[in-house]
Structure formats: C-alpha cells, structure tokens
Amino acid sequence: MRAQRPAFALIVLSIAALASAATAKDCYGVLQRPLVAGGFTDNSSDCEGTNDIKYAGEVSVGELRYKIYSLLYTVPHAGGFSSGGQRILVFRYHDNRLVYRGSYHLDSLVDHKVWVKGSRVYIDASAKHGNNIQFTKDGPPVQAFLDQYIAGFDEAGF
C-alpha cells in the first residue's frame, strides 16, 4: 500500500505542473516561448497579473524585419495593490522562429498607442516630447527619447 502513495503523489504533482504550464502559455500566447527563451522576466511572467499584448507592426530596415508588440501589464502585490507599466517588445525571425531581442520600458503613466511606419516605431506623444524609435541596419538603438524620458533598450539575455 505504501508503494502506491508516492506514485499517486507523483501523478497529482504532474497534473498540477501541467495545469500551471497551461496557464503560463495562455499568459503571453504565442510569444510565451520566445519571451522565456530570451530571458524576459520584467513583470508578471508567471501570469499572476494581467497582460494586454497588441501587435504594432513590422519594422523594415533593408533585409532586416522586426516584429513589434506593445505590452501593458499589471502585477499584484501584497496588501491588495498593483503596479504596472508598458513595454515595447522587439522580436526578429531567426532560422524560421520568432526570437525575442529586447524591449523599451515606457516610464510615463500614459498607456500609449504604438504603431510602426517603415523603420520607425511610434507612440502617441508629441515629437517635442519624443515619439519614435529609429531602427537602423545595426538594429534597435541602445536608447530612445520617448514621452520625455530616455528609454534604454533592455537586450534579451540569451
């Protein structure tokens, strides 16, 4: 009888692990795998908060193509309050798979609309306050001036 209990416990733990993995995959959808592989850990990657991901477009620079997404997120904290933010996520295809390259964190309290035109990523801020990221043949810039803040490019950790 005792030999059956560890087996039963193992089955219960396996089912719990599968349920947890299914939830995590639903959190970022098709972006989950490249985000995790790229070391993305900046917010609720365990899916405890909320994530709103929107496709912004494709940046084109010569032969290079980058897929751009806007991520709005909230993270719950002890005591019932939450924090959140917005990131511009940068992906690129490599060997026919989507690879997370990094992101820009928007420091403002505004949930910005994000879109792409040619080799630039735009946000809905005035040009004076900084409203675009110019990609070059070298890829995304190390930093960009966005809505009155310098946003550094947080490169993925491979």
Foldseek 3Di string as FASTA:
>chain_A
DVVVVVVVVVVVVVVVVVVQVVLLCVQVPPCLVQCVVLPPDPAPSSNPKHKDKDWADWEDAPPWIKTKIKIWIWHADPPGDIDIFIKIWIWGDDPNDIHTFFIWTDPDPDRWDWHDDHQKIFTPDDVVQFTIWGAYPVGTDQWGRHRNDITGTGTGDD
